[in-house]
Amino acid sequence: MTQNQAYFIEGLQGAGKSTLVNRLAVKYPEKKVCREGDYTPVDLAWCAYVDETTYQDILARFPSLSEEMARYAVQEKNHHVIPYTRILTDIPGFHKYMEQFEIYNGNLDRETFENTVLSRFSAWEPEGEIFECAMFQNILENMMLYLQVQDDEILAFYRKVHEILQNKPYKILYLDVEDIAGSLEVIKKERADENGVELWFPLMVNYIEASPYGQRHRLLGKEGLLKHLERREQLERKLINEVFWKETIVLKAKAYDIETFT
């Protein structure tokens, strides 16, 4: 393994991605961990991505948060990246307002979204990062649910990604979930409050139901979520088998030995 080799940690929700990220961070303390919501040179999950004019407008709209935003924001040529969920505030509507500036959830048209993703992968110079959800999950959810891109077109897009990355040192560690329905039941219980009230599950169901694809195909409740995850798993397996087969190590979710592949 080269010193600057990066890891992309992928798998369905509940596969144990965060746990694997944490274990890798302990084993390789010299590597930079890039979790969802952090500023990263690749992914923009839970980050506002805005031009200079919009950035100044946001500062003017929330003047009491200007110092905090300046502390977290990173300027990249003509854009500012603001990891807005890292900003703790009781100002009503701040986080909701910032959501519109993400590149996901259908906020960008398909061409602009794809060009943004490709340009970031192209500009990225690996420094031994450990990325969470930055290769498959966040991009696929947007393309499948909000942009409603056909599977074969998604494969074609990822072939472009693969070509861009061909001379960059990275591995995809994919956590394979054998029983998606069973895993869903486990995660429902794990991501609940101290009184057993489910927190993650209602939000995820609403995310699927509210998406254009979910509405078009009537993906409702638990069954709708399950159908989406099954489709996504099939697509991710295709991406691994047809595009990223040399770069991917498939691991059995929550049943792997970290010493055997790192």
Protein backbone atom coordinates (compact mmCIF):
# COMPACT_ATOMS: atom_id res chain seq x y z
CA MET A 1 0.00 0.00 0.00
CA THR A 2 1.37 3.41 -0.98
CA GLN A 3 1.44 6.13 1.65
CA ASN A 4 -1.13 8.26 -0.17
CA GLN A 5 -3.54 5.41 -1.02
CA ALA A 6 -7.10 6.42 -0.22
CA TYR A 7 -9.97 4.23 0.93
CA PHE A 8 -13.59 4.69 -0.16
CA ILE A 9 -15.91 2.94 2.31
CA GLU A 10 -19.20 1.85 0.74
CA GLY A 11 -22.24 -0.34 1.39
CA LEU A 12 -25.94 0.03 2.08
CA GLN A 13 -27.27 1.91 5.09
CA GLY A 14 -26.64 -0.20 8.18
CA ALA A 15 -23.77 -2.19 6.65
CA GLY A 16 -21.31 -0.77 9.17
CA LYS A 17 -19.52 1.89 7.12
CA SER A 18 -18.97 4.27 10.04
CA THR A 19 -17.59 1.43 12.16
CA LEU A 20 -15.12 0.44 9.45
CA VAL A 21 -14.08 4.08 9.01
CA ASN A 22 -13.39 4.29 12.74
CA ARG A 23 -11.41 1.05 12.75
CA LEU A 24 -9.28 2.19 9.83
CA ALA A 25 -8.69 5.54 11.54
CA VAL A 26 -7.33 3.71 14.59
CA LYS A 27 -5.11 1.44 12.48
CA TYR A 28 -3.87 4.31 10.29
CA PRO A 29 -3.79 7.44 12.49
CA GLU A 30 -1.76 9.25 9.85
CA LYS A 31 -4.66 9.13 7.38
CA LYS A 32 -7.26 11.88 7.13
CA VAL A 33 -10.80 10.72 7.89
CA CYS A 34 -13.49 12.33 5.71
CA ARG A 35 -16.95 11.67 7.12
CA GLU A 36 -20.26 12.84 5.71
CA GLY A 37 -20.66 16.51 6.56
CA ASP A 38 -16.93 17.21 6.69
CA TYR A 39 -15.18 19.29 4.09
CA THR A 40 -13.55 16.87 1.65
CA PRO A 41 -11.81 17.35 -1.70
CA VAL A 42 -14.25 14.89 -3.31
CA ASP A 43 -17.69 14.59 -1.72
CA LEU A 44 -20.05 17.47 -0.90
CA ALA A 45 -22.60 15.72 1.33
CA TRP A 46 -24.18 18.09 3.85
CA CYS A 47 -22.19 20.97 2.41
CA ALA A 48 -23.34 24.11 0.64
CA TYR A 49 -21.53 24.68 -2.65
CA VAL A 50 -21.90 28.32 -3.69
CA ASP A 51 -20.32 31.04 -5.78
CA GLU A 52 -18.93 34.26 -4.31
CA THR A 53 -22.14 36.26 -4.72
CA THR A 54 -24.27 33.62 -3.01
CA TYR A 55 -21.69 33.25 -0.24
CA GLN A 56 -21.84 36.97 0.51
CA ASP A 57 -25.65 36.85 0.44
CA ILE A 58 -25.62 34.04 3.02
CA LEU A 59 -23.26 36.01 5.28
CA ALA A 60 -25.56 39.02 5.03
CA ARG A 61 -28.63 36.91 5.79
CA PHE A 62 -27.05 35.36 8.90
CA PRO A 63 -24.64 38.04 10.18
CA SER A 64 -24.38 36.51 13.66
CA LEU A 65 -22.98 33.34 12.07
CA SER A 66 -20.49 35.03 9.75
CA GLU A 67 -17.45 34.23 11.91
CA GLU A 68 -18.56 30.64 12.39
CA MET A 69 -19.17 30.17 8.67
CA ALA A 70 -15.84 31.74 7.78
CA ARG A 71 -14.16 29.29 10.17
CA TYR A 72 -15.67 26.24 8.45
CA ALA A 73 -15.92 27.44 4.83
CA VAL A 74 -13.25 26.50 2.31
CA GLN A 75 -12.73 28.46 -0.89
CA GLU A 76 -12.09 26.45 -4.06
CA LYS A 77 -11.39 28.71 -7.03
CA ASN A 78 -14.82 30.17 -7.89
CA HIS A 79 -16.77 28.38 -5.16
CA HIS A 80 -17.07 28.24 -1.40
CA VAL A 81 -17.80 24.94 0.36
CA ILE A 82 -19.64 25.39 3.66
CA PRO A 83 -20.04 22.29 5.88
CA TYR A 84 -23.14 23.87 7.34
CA THR A 85 -24.25 20.97 9.56
CA ARG A 86 -21.06 21.52 11.58
CA ILE A 87 -22.38 24.96 12.56
CA LEU A 88 -24.36 24.68 15.78
CA THR A 89 -27.02 27.34 16.12
CA ASP A 90 -30.53 27.87 17.44
CA ILE A 91 -31.37 30.32 14.65
CA PRO A 92 -34.67 29.03 13.21
CA GLY A 93 -34.45 27.74 9.67
CA PHE A 94 -30.69 28.11 9.16
CA HIS A 95 -29.95 24.49 8.30
CA LYS A 96 -33.12 24.15 6.24
CA TYR A 97 -32.20 27.25 4.28
CA MET A 98 -28.72 25.92 3.55
CA GLU A 99 -30.02 22.64 2.13
CA GLN A 100 -30.90 24.33 -1.16
CA PHE A 101 -27.20 24.92 -1.86
CA GLU A 102 -26.20 21.27 -1.76
CA ILE A 103 -25.44 19.54 -5.06
CA TYR A 104 -27.67 16.59 -4.11
CA ASN A 105 -31.45 16.10 -3.76
CA GLY A 106 -32.06 17.28 -7.30
CA ASN A 107 -30.79 20.81 -6.63
CA LEU A 108 -28.68 20.74 -9.81
CA ASP A 109 -29.66 19.58 -13.27
CA ARG A 110 -28.07 16.35 -14.42
CA GLU A 111 -25.36 17.86 -16.62
CA THR A 112 -24.22 20.33 -13.95
CA PHE A 113 -24.27 17.64 -11.26
CA GLU A 114 -22.23 15.17 -13.30
CA ASN A 115 -19.71 17.82 -14.35
CA THR A 116 -19.31 18.93 -10.74
CA VAL A 117 -18.64 15.38 -9.54
CA LEU A 118 -16.24 14.61 -12.40
CA SER A 119 -14.32 17.85 -11.97
CA ARG A 120 -13.80 17.19 -8.26
CA PHE A 121 -12.54 13.65 -8.86
CA SER A 122 -10.25 15.04 -11.56
CA ALA A 123 -8.80 17.77 -9.33
CA TRP A 124 -8.37 15.42 -6.36
CA GLU A 125 -4.80 14.55 -5.42
CA PRO A 126 -4.91 11.56 -3.02
CA GLU A 127 -3.38 12.13 0.40
CA GLY A 128 -4.29 8.84 2.05
CA GLU A 129 -7.86 9.84 2.91
CA ILE A 130 -10.55 7.55 4.29
CA PHE A 131 -13.85 8.56 2.66
CA GLU A 132 -17.33 7.58 3.87
CA CYS A 133 -20.04 7.21 1.18
CA ALA A 134 -18.15 9.41 -1.28
CA MET A 135 -17.91 7.00 -4.23
CA PHE A 136 -21.31 5.28 -4.43
CA GLN A 137 -23.98 6.13 -1.88
CA ASN A 138 -24.35 9.90 -2.08
CA ILE A 139 -23.91 10.10 -5.84
CA LEU A 140 -26.16 7.11 -6.57
CA GLU A 141 -29.00 8.23 -4.32
CA ASN A 142 -29.17 11.53 -6.17
CA MET A 143 -28.90 9.99 -9.62
CA MET A 144 -31.40 7.21 -8.92
CA LEU A 145 -34.00 9.00 -6.82
CA TYR A 146 -33.87 12.65 -7.84
CA LEU A 147 -32.38 12.81 -11.33
CA GLN A 148 -34.01 9.48 -12.27
CA VAL A 149 -31.09 8.37 -14.42
CA GLN A 150 -31.35 4.92 -16.00
CA ASP A 151 -29.02 2.22 -14.69
CA ASP A 152 -27.08 1.87 -17.95
CA GLU A 153 -26.48 5.62 -18.04
CA ILE A 154 -25.23 5.52 -14.44
CA LEU A 155 -22.80 2.78 -15.46
CA ALA A 156 -21.60 4.95 -18.33
CA PHE A 157 -21.09 7.87 -15.94
CA TYR A 158 -19.03 5.74 -13.56
CA ARG A 159 -16.85 4.56 -16.43
CA LYS A 160 -15.90 8.23 -16.81
CA VAL A 161 -15.15 8.38 -13.08
CA HIS A 162 -13.01 5.24 -13.34
CA GLU A 163 -11.07 6.67 -16.26
CA ILE A 164 -10.36 9.88 -14.37
CA LEU A 165 -9.11 7.91 -11.36
CA GLN A 166 -7.03 5.35 -13.27
CA ASN A 167 -3.65 6.73 -12.18
CA LYS A 168 -4.66 7.61 -8.63
CA PRO A 169 -4.03 5.23 -5.70
CA TYR A 170 -7.30 4.14 -4.07
CA LYS A 171 -9.29 1.13 -2.94
CA ILE A 172 -13.04 0.69 -2.49
CA LEU A 173 -13.93 -1.36 0.58
CA TYR A 174 -17.47 -2.57 -0.02
CA LEU A 175 -19.51 -3.98 2.87
CA ASP A 176 -21.87 -6.59 1.46
CA VAL A 177 -25.22 -7.03 3.25
CA GLU A 178 -26.64 -10.53 2.73
CA ASP A 179 -30.06 -9.90 4.31
CA ILE A 180 -31.22 -6.37 3.51
CA ALA A 181 -34.62 -6.72 5.20
CA GLY A 182 -33.04 -8.13 8.36
CA SER A 183 -30.39 -5.42 8.40
CA LEU A 184 -33.13 -2.81 8.07
CA GLU A 185 -34.85 -4.12 11.20
CA VAL A 186 -31.57 -3.95 13.12
CA ILE A 187 -30.79 -0.40 12.07
CA LYS A 188 -34.31 0.74 12.94
CA LYS A 189 -33.69 -0.32 16.55
CA GLU A 190 -30.09 0.89 16.69
CA ARG A 191 -30.94 4.39 15.49
CA ALA A 192 -33.62 5.16 18.03
CA ASP A 193 -33.66 7.41 21.09
CA GLU A 194 -33.44 6.25 24.71
CA ASN A 195 -37.20 5.68 24.73
CA GLY A 196 -37.10 3.46 21.67
CA VAL A 197 -38.56 6.08 19.35
CA GLU A 198 -37.20 5.51 15.85
CA LEU A 199 -35.19 8.47 14.56
CA TRP A 200 -33.50 7.37 11.35
CA PHE A 201 -36.23 5.19 9.84
CA PRO A 202 -39.00 7.84 9.44
CA LEU A 203 -36.52 10.29 7.92
CA MET A 204 -35.25 7.71 5.45
CA VAL A 205 -38.77 6.65 4.45
CA ASN A 206 -39.74 10.29 3.89
CA TYR A 207 -36.58 10.83 1.82
CA ILE A 208 -37.55 7.96 -0.48
CA GLU A 209 -41.26 8.85 -0.66
CA ALA A 210 -40.59 12.53 -1.38
CA SER A 211 -38.12 11.84 -4.21
CA PRO A 212 -39.36 12.10 -7.82
CA TYR A 213 -38.52 8.43 -8.41
CA GLY A 214 -40.27 7.39 -5.20
CA GLN A 215 -43.41 9.28 -6.15
CA ARG A 216 -43.38 8.00 -9.71
CA HIS A 217 -43.01 4.37 -8.62
CA ARG A 218 -45.02 4.66 -5.39
CA LEU A 219 -42.20 3.63 -3.08
CA LEU A 220 -44.08 3.86 0.20
CA GLY A 221 -43.11 2.99 3.76
CA LYS A 222 -40.82 0.13 4.66
CA GLU A 223 -41.55 -1.79 1.45
CA GLY A 224 -40.68 1.21 -0.68
CA LEU A 225 -37.40 1.71 1.16
CA LEU A 226 -36.58 -1.98 0.80
CA LYS A 227 -37.26 -1.91 -2.95
CA HIS A 228 -34.93 1.06 -3.35
CA LEU A 229 -32.13 -0.55 -1.34
CA GLU A 230 -32.45 -3.79 -3.29
CA ARG A 231 -32.21 -1.89 -6.57
CA ARG A 232 -29.25 0.10 -5.32
CA GLU A 233 -27.43 -3.01 -4.16
CA GLN A 234 -27.89 -4.61 -7.59
CA LEU A 235 -26.51 -1.50 -9.25
CA GLU A 236 -23.55 -1.29 -6.88
CA ARG A 237 -22.71 -4.94 -7.56
CA LYS A 238 -22.80 -4.16 -11.28
CA LEU A 239 -20.49 -1.19 -10.80
CA ILE A 240 -18.05 -3.37 -8.89
CA ASN A 241 -18.17 -6.29 -11.33
CA GLU A 242 -18.08 -4.26 -14.54
CA VAL A 243 -16.14 -1.10 -13.67
CA PHE A 244 -14.27 -1.15 -10.36
CA TRP A 245 -13.43 -4.86 -10.11
CA LYS A 246 -9.67 -4.26 -9.82
CA GLU A 247 -10.00 -1.57 -7.15
CA THR A 248 -12.68 -3.13 -4.93
CA ILE A 249 -12.43 -5.46 -1.95
CA VAL A 250 -15.81 -6.93 -1.02
CA LEU A 251 -16.25 -7.67 2.68
CA LYS A 252 -19.05 -9.44 4.50
CA ALA A 253 -20.78 -6.73 6.53
CA LYS A 254 -19.93 -6.88 10.24
CA ALA A 255 -18.06 -10.18 9.75
CA TYR A 256 -14.61 -9.31 8.41
CA ASP A 257 -11.05 -9.34 9.72
CA ILE A 258 -9.46 -5.95 9.16
CA GLU A 259 -5.98 -7.48 9.18
CA THR A 260 -6.66 -9.53 6.05
CA PHE A 261 -7.16 -6.67 3.61
CA THR A 262 -5.18 -3.66 4.88
